[in-house]
C-alpha atoms as a PDB file:
ATOM      1  CA  MET A   1       7.199  -3.168   6.044  1.00  0.00           C
ATOM      2  CA  GLU A   2       3.950  -5.105   6.449  1.00  0.00           C
ATOM      3  CA  CYS A   3       0.585  -5.173   4.676  1.00  0.00           C
ATOM      4  CA  HIS A   4      -2.394  -5.855   6.939  1.00  0.00           C
ATOM      5  CA  PHE A   5      -5.551  -6.875   5.080  1.00  0.00           C
ATOM      6  CA  LEU A   6      -8.491  -5.629   7.154  1.00  0.00           C
ATOM      7  CA  GLY A   7     -11.214  -6.131   4.562  1.00  0.00           C
ATOM      8  CA  THR A   8     -10.936  -8.287   1.447  1.00  0.00           C
ATOM      9  CA  GLY A   9     -14.534  -8.535   0.239  1.00  0.00           C
ATOM     10  CA  SER A  10     -16.359  -6.591  -2.450  1.00  0.00           C
ATOM     11  CA  GLY A  11     -19.520  -4.473  -2.179  1.00  0.00           C
ATOM     12  CA  ILE A  12     -21.463  -6.780   0.156  1.00  0.00           C
ATOM     13  CA  PRO A  13     -19.652  -8.105   3.232  1.00  0.00           C
ATOM     14  CA  SER A  14     -19.843 -11.789   4.120  1.00  0.00           C
ATOM     15  CA  LYS A  15     -19.278 -13.619   7.402  1.00  0.00           C
ATOM     16  CA  SER A  16     -15.643 -14.166   6.448  1.00  0.00           C
ATOM     17  CA  ARG A  17     -14.838 -10.976   4.524  1.00  0.00           C
ATOM     18  CA  ASN A  18     -15.424  -7.365   5.461  1.00  0.00           C
ATOM     19  CA  VAL A  19     -15.383  -4.619   2.822  1.00  0.00           C
ATOM     20  CA  SER A  20     -12.212  -2.951   1.566  1.00  0.00           C
ATOM     21  CA  ALA A  21      -9.422  -1.743   3.851  1.00  0.00           C
ATOM     22  CA  LEU A  22      -5.674  -2.303   3.942  1.00  0.00           C
ATOM     23  CA  VAL A  23      -2.960  -0.892   6.207  1.00  0.00           C
ATOM     24  CA  VAL A  24       0.698  -0.632   5.260  1.00  0.00           C
ATOM     25  CA  ARG A  25       2.915  -0.453   8.356  1.00  0.00           C
ATOM     26  CA  PHE A  26       6.372   1.097   8.053  1.00  0.00           C
ATOM     27  CA  LEU A  27       7.942  -0.530  11.064  1.00  0.00           C
ATOM     28  CA  GLN A  28      11.135   1.513  11.323  1.00  0.00           C
ATOM     29  CA  GLN A  29       9.337   4.855  10.962  1.00  0.00           C
ATOM     30  CA  LYS A  30       6.513   3.659  13.267  1.00  0.00           C
ATOM     31  CA  VAL A  31       3.846   5.092  10.980  1.00  0.00           C
ATOM     32  CA  GLN A  32       0.915   3.443   9.239  1.00  0.00           C
ATOM     33  CA  TRP A  33      -0.954   4.248   6.045  1.00  0.00           C
ATOM     34  CA  LEU A  34      -4.546   3.210   5.429  1.00  0.00           C
ATOM     35  CA  PHE A  35      -5.761   2.376   1.936  1.00  0.00           C
ATOM     36  CA  ASP A  36      -9.556   2.561   1.643  1.00  0.00           C
ATOM     37  CA  CYS A  37     -11.867   2.463   4.629  1.00  0.00           C
ATOM     38  CA  GLY A  38     -15.034   0.468   4.168  1.00  0.00           C
ATOM     39  CA  GLU A  39     -17.708   0.152   6.836  1.00  0.00           C
ATOM     40  CA  ALA A  40     -16.468  -1.376  10.142  1.00  0.00           C
ATOM     41  CA  THR A  41     -12.787  -0.841   9.342  1.00  0.00           C
ATOM     42  CA  GLN A  42     -12.170   0.542  12.827  1.00  0.00           C
ATOM     43  CA  HIS A  43     -13.739  -2.592  14.290  1.00  0.00           C
ATOM     44  CA  GLN A  44     -11.442  -4.787  12.183  1.00  0.00           C
ATOM     45  CA  ILE A  45      -8.457  -2.815  13.469  1.00  0.00           C
ATOM     46  CA  LEU A  46      -9.256  -3.878  17.041  1.00  0.00           C
ATOM     47  CA  SER A  47      -7.981  -7.382  16.273  1.00  0.00           C
ATOM     48  CA  THR A  48      -4.673  -6.171  14.813  1.00  0.00           C
ATOM     49  CA  PRO A  49      -1.524  -4.336  15.963  1.00  0.00           C
ATOM     50  CA  VAL A  50      -2.611  -1.285  13.949  1.00  0.00           C
ATOM     51  CA  THR A  51      -2.950   1.882  16.050  1.00  0.00           C
ATOM     52  CA  LEU A  52      -5.246   4.702  14.945  1.00  0.00           C
ATOM     53  CA  SER A  53      -2.962   7.431  16.289  1.00  0.00           C
ATOM     54  CA  ARG A  54      -0.119   6.173  14.086  1.00  0.00           C
ATOM     55  CA  ILE A  55      -2.164   6.350  10.910  1.00  0.00           C
ATOM     56  CA  ASN A  56      -0.934   9.615   9.424  1.00  0.00           C
ATOM     57  CA  ARG A  57      -2.009   9.164   5.796  1.00  0.00           C
ATOM     58  CA  ILE A  58      -5.155   7.708   4.257  1.00  0.00           C
ATOM     59  CA  PHE A  59      -5.386   6.927   0.547  1.00  0.00           C
ATOM     60  CA  ILE A  60      -8.845   6.377  -0.950  1.00  0.00           C
ATOM     61  CA  SER A  61      -9.157   4.712  -4.337  1.00  0.00           C
ATOM     62  CA  HIS A  62     -12.696   5.839  -5.161  1.00  0.00           C
ATOM     63  CA  LEU A  63     -15.942   6.986  -3.574  1.00  0.00           C
ATOM     64  CA  HIS A  64     -18.088   3.840  -3.568  1.00  0.00           C
ATOM     65  CA  GLY A  65     -19.488   3.136  -0.121  1.00  0.00           C
ATOM     66  CA  ASP A  66     -17.624  -0.119   0.443  1.00  0.00           C
ATOM     67  CA  HIS A  67     -14.413   1.936   0.288  1.00  0.00           C
ATOM     68  CA  ILE A  68     -15.363   5.040   2.325  1.00  0.00           C
ATOM     69  CA  PHE A  69     -18.332   4.391   4.652  1.00  0.00           C
ATOM     70  CA  GLY A  70     -15.996   3.573   7.531  1.00  0.00           C
ATOM     71  CA  LEU A  71     -14.137   6.891   7.367  1.00  0.00           C
ATOM     72  CA  PRO A  72     -16.268   9.204   9.580  1.00  0.00           C
ATOM     73  CA  GLY A  73     -16.327   6.745  12.479  1.00  0.00           C
ATOM     74  CA  LEU A  74     -12.631   5.955  12.217  1.00  0.00           C
ATOM     75  CA  LEU A  75     -11.727   9.654  12.169  1.00  0.00           C
ATOM     76  CA  CYS A  76     -13.824  10.279  15.271  1.00  0.00           C
ATOM     77  CA  SER A  77     -12.336   7.315  17.134  1.00  0.00           C
ATOM     78  CA  ARG A  78      -8.834   8.516  16.252  1.00  0.00           C
ATOM     79  CA  SER A  79      -9.704  11.808  17.939  1.00  0.00           C
ATOM     80  CA  ALA A  80     -11.428  10.167  20.934  1.00  0.00           C
ATOM     81  CA  GLN A  81      -8.284   8.120  21.566  1.00  0.00           C
ATOM     82  CA  GLY A  82      -6.327  11.341  21.981  1.00  0.00           C
ATOM     83  CA  ALA A  83      -4.594  11.688  18.618  1.00  0.00           C
ATOM     84  CA  VAL A  84      -3.575  15.286  17.899  1.00  0.00           C
ATOM     85  CA  SER A  85      -1.177  14.752  14.997  1.00  0.00           C
ATOM     86  CA  GLU A  86      -2.189  16.022  11.580  1.00  0.00           C
ATOM     87  CA  LEU A  87      -3.761  13.563   9.153  1.00  0.00           C
ATOM     88  CA  THR A  88      -3.490  13.779   5.362  1.00  0.00           C
ATOM     89  CA  ILE A  89      -6.217  12.197   3.241  1.00  0.00           C
ATOM     90  CA  TYR A  90      -5.750  11.540  -0.482  1.00  0.00           C
ATOM     91  CA  GLY A  91      -8.569  10.705  -2.858  1.00  0.00           C
ATOM     92  CA  PRO A  92     -10.792  11.739  -5.763  1.00  0.00           C
ATOM     93  CA  SER A  93     -12.660  15.003  -5.909  1.00  0.00           C
ATOM     94  CA  GLY A  94     -15.695  14.928  -3.593  1.00  0.00           C
ATOM     95  CA  LEU A  95     -14.019  13.049  -0.751  1.00  0.00           C
ATOM     96  CA  GLN A  96     -13.519  16.165   1.378  1.00  0.00           C
ATOM     97  CA  GLU A  97     -17.150  17.151   0.946  1.00  0.00           C
ATOM     98  CA  TYR A  98     -18.306  13.675   1.994  1.00  0.00           C
ATOM     99  CA  ILE A  99     -16.181  13.666   5.149  1.00  0.00           C
ATOM    100  CA  GLU A 100     -16.923  17.237   6.208  1.00  0.00           C
ATOM    101  CA  THR A 101     -20.674  16.824   5.605  1.00  0.00           C
ATOM    102  CA  SER A 102     -20.748  13.599   7.641  1.00  0.00           C
ATOM    103  CA  LEU A 103     -18.877  15.211  10.528  1.00  0.00           C
ATOM    104  CA  SER A 104     -20.936  18.377  10.404  1.00  0.00           C
ATOM    105  CA  LEU A 105     -24.358  16.707  10.337  1.00  0.00           C
ATOM    106  CA  SER A 106     -23.389  14.381  13.188  1.00  0.00           C
ATOM    107  CA  GLN A 107     -21.905  17.306  15.158  1.00  0.00           C
ATOM    108  CA  SER A 108     -18.597  15.488  15.404  1.00  0.00           C
ATOM    109  CA  TYR A 109     -15.427  17.394  16.223  1.00  0.00           C
ATOM    110  CA  LEU A 110     -11.854  16.253  15.780  1.00  0.00           C
ATOM    111  CA  GLY A 111      -8.879  17.110  17.965  1.00  0.00           C
ATOM    112  CA  TYR A 112      -6.522  17.255  14.991  1.00  0.00           C
ATOM    113  CA  SER A 113      -6.390  18.882  11.569  1.00  0.00           C
ATOM    114  CA  ILE A 114      -6.906  17.186   8.220  1.00  0.00           C
ATOM    115  CA  THR A 115      -5.193  18.125   4.986  1.00  0.00           C
ATOM    116  CA  TYR A 116      -6.983  16.949   1.841  1.00  0.00           C
ATOM    117  CA  VAL A 117      -5.198  16.160  -1.414  1.00  0.00           C
ATOM    118  CA  ILE A 118      -7.258  15.703  -4.589  1.00  0.00           C
ATOM    119  CA  VAL A 119      -5.577  12.881  -6.469  1.00  0.00           C
ATOM    120  CA  GLU A 120      -4.605  13.062 -10.112  1.00  0.00           C
ATOM    121  CA  GLU A 121      -2.235  10.862 -12.081  1.00  0.00           C
ATOM    122  CA  GLY A 122       1.410  11.243 -11.156  1.00  0.00           C
ATOM    123  CA  VAL A 123       3.308  11.687  -7.903  1.00  0.00           C
ATOM    124  CA  VAL A 124       0.978  12.475  -4.997  1.00  0.00           C
ATOM    125  CA  TYR A 125       3.498  12.234  -2.154  1.00  0.00           C
ATOM    126  CA  SER A 126       7.260  12.057  -1.776  1.00  0.00           C
ATOM    127  CA  ASP A 127       9.822  12.362   1.003  1.00  0.00           C
ATOM    128  CA  ASP A 128      13.417  11.254   1.513  1.00  0.00           C
ATOM    129  CA  SER A 129      12.433   7.604   1.977  1.00  0.00           C
ATOM    130  CA  VAL A 130       9.394   6.875  -0.203  1.00  0.00           C
ATOM    131  CA  THR A 131       7.375   8.067  -3.208  1.00  0.00           C
ATOM    132  CA  VAL A 132       3.690   7.463  -3.930  1.00  0.00           C
ATOM    133  CA  GLU A 133       2.340   7.669  -7.488  1.00  0.00           C
ATOM    134  CA  ALA A 134      -1.262   7.420  -8.681  1.00  0.00           C
ATOM    135  CA  LEU A 135      -2.674   5.867 -11.845  1.00  0.00           C
ATOM    136  CA  SER A 136      -6.193   6.495 -13.140  1.00  0.00           C
ATOM    137  CA  LEU A 137      -8.168   3.255 -13.561  1.00  0.00           C
ATOM    138  CA  ASP A 138     -11.230   2.123 -15.512  1.00  0.00           C
ATOM    139  CA  HIS A 139     -14.182   1.753 -13.151  1.00  0.00           C
ATOM    140  CA  VAL A 140     -17.736   3.128 -13.282  1.00  0.00           C
ATOM    141  CA  MET A 141     -16.507   6.238 -11.438  1.00  0.00           C
ATOM    142  CA  PRO A 142     -13.057   7.805 -11.016  1.00  0.00           C
ATOM    143  CA  SER A 143     -10.780   5.263  -9.341  1.00  0.00           C
ATOM    144  CA  PHE A 144      -7.036   5.132  -8.711  1.00  0.00           C
ATOM    145  CA  ALA A 145      -4.178   2.750  -8.089  1.00  0.00           C
ATOM    146  CA  TYR A 146      -1.310   3.800  -5.826  1.00  0.00           C
ATOM    147  CA  LYS A 147       2.309   2.734  -6.170  1.00  0.00           C
ATOM    148  CA  ILE A 148       4.599   2.962  -3.146  1.00  0.00           C
ATOM    149  CA  THR A 149       8.292   2.945  -4.018  1.00  0.00           C
ATOM    150  CA  GLU A 150      10.956   3.047  -1.337  1.00  0.00           C
ATOM    151  CA  CYS A 151      14.137   4.940  -2.108  1.00  0.00           C
ATOM    152  CA  ASP A 152      17.241   2.829  -2.602  1.00  0.00           C
ATOM    153  CA  LYS A 153      19.389   2.539   0.519  1.00  0.00           C
ATOM    154  CA  PRO A 154      23.186   2.659   0.750  1.00  0.00           C
ATOM    155  CA  GLY A 155      24.950  -0.678   0.610  1.00  0.00           C
ATOM    156  CA  THR A 156      26.298  -2.362   3.722  1.00  0.00           C
ATOM    157  CA  LEU A 157      29.591  -1.229   5.168  1.00  0.00           C
ATOM    158  CA  GLN A 158      32.511  -3.540   4.349  1.00  0.00           C
ATOM    159  CA  VAL A 159      34.102  -3.443   7.778  1.00  0.00           C
ATOM    160  CA  ASP A 160      36.875  -5.957   7.031  1.00  0.00           C
ATOM    161  CA  LYS A 161      38.288  -3.768   4.261  1.00  0.00           C
ATOM    162  CA  LEU A 162      38.320  -0.755   6.567  1.00  0.00           C
ATOM    163  CA  LYS A 163      40.080  -2.658   9.338  1.00  0.00           C
ATOM    164  CA  GLU A 164      42.726  -3.798   6.852  1.00  0.00           C
ATOM    165  CA  LEU A 165      43.604  -0.090   6.524  1.00  0.00           C
ATOM    166  CA  GLY A 166      43.741   0.231  10.285  1.00  0.00           C
ATOM    167  CA  ILE A 167      40.458   2.141  10.507  1.00  0.00           C
ATOM    168  CA  GLU A 168      38.620   1.108  13.652  1.00  0.00           C
ATOM    169  CA  PRO A 169      34.891   1.605  14.332  1.00  0.00           C
ATOM    170  CA  GLY A 170      33.937   5.178  15.108  1.00  0.00           C
ATOM    171  CA  PRO A 171      32.530   8.364  13.527  1.00  0.00           C
ATOM    172  CA  ILE A 172      34.402   7.631  10.278  1.00  0.00           C
ATOM    173  CA  TYR A 173      32.269   4.536   9.730  1.00  0.00           C
ATOM    174  CA  GLN A 174      29.087   6.591   9.878  1.00  0.00           C
ATOM    175  CA  LYS A 175      30.452   9.157   7.425  1.00  0.00           C
ATOM    176  CA  ILE A 176      31.324   6.405   4.964  1.00  0.00           C
ATOM    177  CA  LYS A 177      27.860   4.842   5.394  1.00  0.00           C
ATOM    178  CA  ASN A 178      26.408   8.271   4.589  1.00  0.00           C
ATOM    179  CA  GLY A 179      28.348   8.286   1.312  1.00  0.00           C
ATOM    180  CA  GLU A 180      30.854  10.934   2.358  1.00  0.00           C
ATOM    181  CA  ALA A 181      34.519  11.025   1.337  1.00  0.00           C
ATOM    182  CA  VAL A 182      36.809  10.955   4.377  1.00  0.00           C
ATOM    183  CA  THR A 183      40.378  12.256   4.686  1.00  0.00           C
ATOM    184  CA  LEU A 184      42.468  10.331   7.213  1.00  0.00           C
ATOM    185  CA  SER A 185      45.146  11.869   9.448  1.00  0.00           C
ATOM    186  CA  ASN A 186      47.845  10.551   7.079  1.00  0.00           C
ATOM    187  CA  GLY A 187      46.255  12.381   4.147  1.00  0.00           C
ATOM    188  CA  LEU A 188      44.722   9.285   2.567  1.00  0.00           C
ATOM    189  CA  VAL A 189      41.287  10.029   1.057  1.00  0.00           C
ATOM    190  CA  ILE A 190      38.679   7.290   1.580  1.00  0.00           C
ATOM    191  CA  GLU A 191      35.947   7.174  -1.069  1.00  0.00           C
ATOM    192  CA  SER A 192      32.815   5.696   0.468  1.00  0.00           C
ATOM    193  CA  SER A 193      31.871   3.808  -2.713  1.00  0.00           C
ATOM    194  CA  GLU A 194      34.969   1.622  -2.287  1.00  0.00           C
ATOM    195  CA  PHE A 195      33.791   0.385   1.100  1.00  0.00           C
ATOM    196  CA  LEU A 196      30.078  -0.090   0.515  1.00  0.00           C
ATOM    197  CA  SER A 197      28.324  -2.993  -1.184  1.00  0.00           C
ATOM    198  CA  GLU A 198      25.875  -2.333  -4.012  1.00  0.00           C
ATOM    199  CA  PRO A 199      22.923  -0.103  -3.002  1.00  0.00           C
ATOM    200  CA  ILE A 200      19.941  -1.955  -1.546  1.00  0.00           C
ATOM    201  CA  LYS A 201      17.018  -1.541  -3.917  1.00  0.00           C
ATOM    202  CA  GLY A 202      13.883  -0.098  -2.346  1.00  0.00           C
ATOM    203  CA  ARG A 203      10.755  -2.237  -2.247  1.00  0.00           C
ATOM    204  CA  SER A 204       7.668  -1.413  -4.290  1.00  0.00           C
ATOM    205  CA  ILE A 205       3.946  -2.098  -3.962  1.00  0.00           C
ATOM    206  CA  VAL A 206       1.015  -1.342  -6.254  1.00  0.00           C
ATOM    207  CA  ILE A 207      -2.423  -1.213  -4.620  1.00  0.00           C
ATOM    208  CA  ALA A 208      -5.193  -1.016  -7.202  1.00  0.00           C
ATOM    209  CA  GLY A 209      -8.720   0.156  -6.527  1.00  0.00           C
ATOM    210  CA  ASP A 210     -11.757  -1.183  -8.377  1.00  0.00           C
ATOM    211  CA  THR A 211     -11.104  -1.433 -12.098  1.00  0.00           C
ATOM    212  CA  ARG A 212     -11.318  -3.363 -15.285  1.00  0.00           C
ATOM    213  CA  VAL A 213      -7.860  -4.602 -16.244  1.00  0.00           C
ATOM    214  CA  ILE A 214      -6.179  -1.845 -18.248  1.00  0.00           C
ATOM    215  CA  THR A 215      -3.161  -1.929 -20.566  1.00  0.00           C
ATOM    216  CA  LYS A 216      -1.197   0.803 -18.795  1.00  0.00           C
ATOM    217  CA  MET A 217      -1.305  -1.083 -15.498  1.00  0.00           C
ATOM    218  CA  ALA A 218       1.363  -3.469 -16.821  1.00  0.00           C
ATOM    219  CA  ALA A 219       3.856  -0.627 -17.193  1.00  0.00           C
ATOM    220  CA  PHE A 220       2.787   1.003 -13.905  1.00  0.00           C
ATOM    221  CA  SER A 221       3.363  -2.208 -11.955  1.00  0.00           C
ATOM    222  CA  SER A 222       6.293  -3.546 -13.985  1.00  0.00           C
ATOM    223  CA  GLY A 223       8.658  -5.544 -11.781  1.00  0.00           C
ATOM    224  CA  VAL A 224       7.141  -4.475  -8.458  1.00  0.00           C
ATOM    225  CA  ASP A 225       7.678  -6.636  -5.409  1.00  0.00           C
ATOM    226  CA  LEU A 226       3.944  -6.875  -4.745  1.00  0.00           C
ATOM    227  CA  LEU A 227       0.829  -6.192  -6.793  1.00  0.00           C
ATOM    228  CA  ILE A 228      -2.404  -5.996  -4.779  1.00  0.00           C
ATOM    229  CA  HIS A 229      -5.267  -5.993  -7.260  1.00  0.00           C
ATOM    230  CA  GLU A 230      -8.982  -6.591  -7.123  1.00  0.00           C
ATOM    231  CA  GLY A 231     -10.156  -9.934  -8.503  1.00  0.00           C
ATOM    232  CA  THR A 232     -13.868  -9.687  -7.860  1.00  0.00           C
ATOM    233  CA  PHE A 233     -15.026 -12.503 -10.144  1.00  0.00           C
ATOM    234  CA  SER A 234     -13.903 -15.822 -11.593  1.00  0.00           C
ATOM    235  CA  SER A 235     -13.430 -15.986 -15.355  1.00  0.00           C
ATOM    236  CA  ASP A 236     -16.922 -17.374 -16.043  1.00  0.00           C
ATOM    237  CA  LYS A 237     -18.289 -13.979 -14.937  1.00  0.00           C
ATOM    238  CA  ALA A 238     -16.220 -11.956 -17.413  1.00  0.00           C
ATOM    239  CA  GLU A 239     -19.237 -10.189 -18.927  1.00  0.00           C
ATOM    240  CA  HIS A 240     -20.511  -9.302 -15.455  1.00  0.00           C
ATOM    241  CA  ALA A 241     -17.098  -7.947 -14.506  1.00  0.00           C
ATOM    242  CA  GLU A 242     -16.909  -5.819 -17.629  1.00  0.00           C
ATOM    243  CA  LYS A 243     -20.384  -4.409 -17.077  1.00  0.00           C
ATOM    244  CA  PHE A 244     -19.708  -3.305 -13.498  1.00  0.00           C
ATOM    245  CA  GLY A 245     -16.120  -2.157 -13.955  1.00  0.00           C
ATOM    246  CA  HIS A 246     -14.305  -5.032 -12.288  1.00  0.00           C
ATOM    247  CA  SER A 247     -11.626  -7.623 -13.072  1.00  0.00           C
ATOM    248  CA  THR A 248     -11.620 -11.392 -13.166  1.00  0.00           C
ATOM    249  CA  ILE A 249      -9.051 -13.545 -11.409  1.00  0.00           C
ATOM    250  CA  LEU A 250      -7.707 -14.792 -14.732  1.00  0.00           C
ATOM    251  CA  GLU A 251      -7.339 -11.297 -16.190  1.00  0.00           C
ATOM    252  CA  VAL A 252      -5.331 -10.121 -13.198  1.00  0.00           C
ATOM    253  CA  ALA A 253      -3.117 -13.226 -13.231  1.00  0.00           C
ATOM    254  CA  ASN A 254      -2.294 -12.529 -16.868  1.00  0.00           C
ATOM    255  CA  LEU A 255      -1.526  -8.909 -15.963  1.00  0.00           C
ATOM    256  CA  ALA A 256       0.837 -10.016 -13.194  1.00  0.00           C
ATOM    257  CA  LYS A 257       2.604 -12.350 -15.604  1.00  0.00           C
ATOM    258  CA  GLU A 258       2.978  -9.633 -18.238  1.00  0.00           C
ATOM    259  CA  ALA A 259       4.234  -7.090 -15.689  1.00  0.00           C
ATOM    260  CA  LYS A 260       6.691  -9.616 -14.211  1.00  0.00           C
ATOM    261  CA  VAL A 261       5.720  -8.741 -10.654  1.00  0.00           C
ATOM    262  CA  LYS A 262       7.275 -10.823  -7.887  1.00  0.00           C
ATOM    263  CA  LYS A 263       4.026 -11.542  -6.013  1.00  0.00           C
ATOM    264  CA  LEU A 264       0.299 -11.058  -6.680  1.00  0.00           C
ATOM    265  CA  ILE A 265      -2.335 -10.767  -3.958  1.00  0.00           C
ATOM    266  CA  LEU A 266      -5.937 -10.815  -5.148  1.00  0.00           C
ATOM    267  CA  THR A 267      -8.539  -9.056  -3.038  1.00  0.00           C
ATOM    268  CA  HIS A 268     -12.053  -7.517  -3.282  1.00  0.00           C
ATOM    269  CA  ILE A 269     -13.501 -11.032  -3.650  1.00  0.00           C
ATOM    270  CA  SER A 270     -17.235 -11.290  -4.329  1.00  0.00           C
ATOM    271  CA  SER A 271     -19.343 -12.721  -1.498  1.00  0.00           C
ATOM    272  CA  ARG A 272     -20.612 -15.376  -3.929  1.00  0.00           C
ATOM    273  CA  TYR A 273     -17.281 -17.190  -3.483  1.00  0.00           C
ATOM    274  CA  VAL A 274     -17.558 -17.999   0.218  1.00  0.00           C
ATOM    275  CA  ASP A 275     -15.666 -21.270   0.816  1.00  0.00           C
ATOM    276  CA  LYS A 276     -14.524 -21.341  -2.813  1.00  0.00           C
ATOM    277  CA  GLU A 277     -11.140 -19.667  -2.347  1.00  0.00           C
ATOM    278  CA  GLU A 278      -9.241 -22.800  -3.400  1.00  0.00           C
ATOM    279  CA  GLU A 279     -10.978 -22.724  -6.787  1.00  0.00           C
ATOM    280  CA  LEU A 280     -10.063 -19.076  -7.244  1.00  0.00           C
ATOM    281  CA  LEU A 281      -6.460 -19.768  -6.272  1.00  0.00           C
ATOM    282  CA  LEU A 282      -6.192 -22.610  -8.781  1.00  0.00           C
ATOM    283  CA  GLU A 283      -7.488 -20.283 -11.484  1.00  0.00           C
ATOM    284  CA  ALA A 284      -4.882 -17.663 -10.616  1.00  0.00           C
ATOM    285  CA  THR A 285      -1.905 -20.011 -10.224  1.00  0.00           C
ATOM    286  CA  SER A 286      -2.664 -21.726 -13.521  1.00  0.00           C
ATOM    287  CA  VAL A 287      -1.323 -18.521 -15.097  1.00  0.00           C
ATOM    288  CA  PHE A 288       0.793 -16.879 -12.392  1.00  0.00           C
ATOM    289  CA  GLU A 289       2.213 -19.234  -9.782  1.00  0.00           C
ATOM    290  CA  GLN A 290       3.112 -16.528  -7.231  1.00  0.00           C
ATOM    291  CA  SER A 291      -0.529 -15.682  -6.537  1.00  0.00           C
ATOM    292  CA  ILE A 292      -2.323 -15.431  -3.199  1.00  0.00           C
ATOM    293  CA  ILE A 293      -6.023 -14.980  -2.445  1.00  0.00           C
ATOM    294  CA  ALA A 294      -6.224 -12.461   0.392  1.00  0.00           C
ATOM    295  CA  HIS A 295      -8.333 -13.059   3.482  1.00  0.00           C
ATOM    296  CA  ASP A 296      -9.276 -10.776   6.352  1.00  0.00           C
ATOM    297  CA  TYR A 297      -6.499 -10.321   8.925  1.00  0.00           C
ATOM    298  CA  MET A 298      -3.891 -11.716   6.565  1.00  0.00           C
ATOM    299  CA  ILE A 299      -0.451 -10.119   7.039  1.00  0.00           C
ATOM    300  CA  TYR A 300       2.083  -9.974   4.229  1.00  0.00           C
ATOM    301  CA  ARG A 301       5.586  -9.269   5.530  1.00  0.00           C
ATOM    302  CA  PHE A 302       8.433  -8.137   3.321  1.00  0.00           C
ATOM    303  CA  GLU A 303      11.764  -9.764   3.970  1.00  0.00           C
END
């Protein structure tokens, strides 16, 4: 699993930071999810391994322009490149109207269908490998955080123990890996749990849209492998952040410490901090050492 940061700036882009967009690539499943889609997101994608046709889900945090103005163009380019697979778009109420109005007025037609899901708190998507939950945030308009949690995977097969019983590689190994009990030709029953290591815990990511720091975020992101959270301003702009529904670097670092997350990546950085990333990083790491200031085209790879 990889996180590709396509846009890490706030409302006004700078020469070094485009507006908000992030892609999570699930490498084994060969699918990609897009989180927010600010203006020029499709242009940013051109310099990455992200493929529009493999984006099958888009999650929008809120309806401010720096998070959605890139959507109509990206949807049209996905169609022009020959994608026919269905796309599901998740977001606050009003998102469908925005997209359909933009496409209609520009007489744009897509070669695939779109399913829209109006997001509310709770589980918004789940399959046999991953669950996505939403949390309502505190911005100047409805805004959401999304938590991706992979399902736990079976432990690794302890081949040496099986060979000690005279069981050679074959279909039995796969049955044991699947957690099935197996009866051998001599009548011996093999319980899979005796030949598997402890289950491999699924990875977890929280991706927060624009928000003031809120108390319930600590529980929502407790112990996650990665917290991606806006840090629009340094701490000397705390009043400004509060007024416009944003967070400071220091507030988010304290949140990460309280939630005991493994890694914090700060994004949605104000354009006033061009060439001042080191100062922002020092502010964050003074509280939470495992902090990173995101930059455009940064890739975070899970082990």
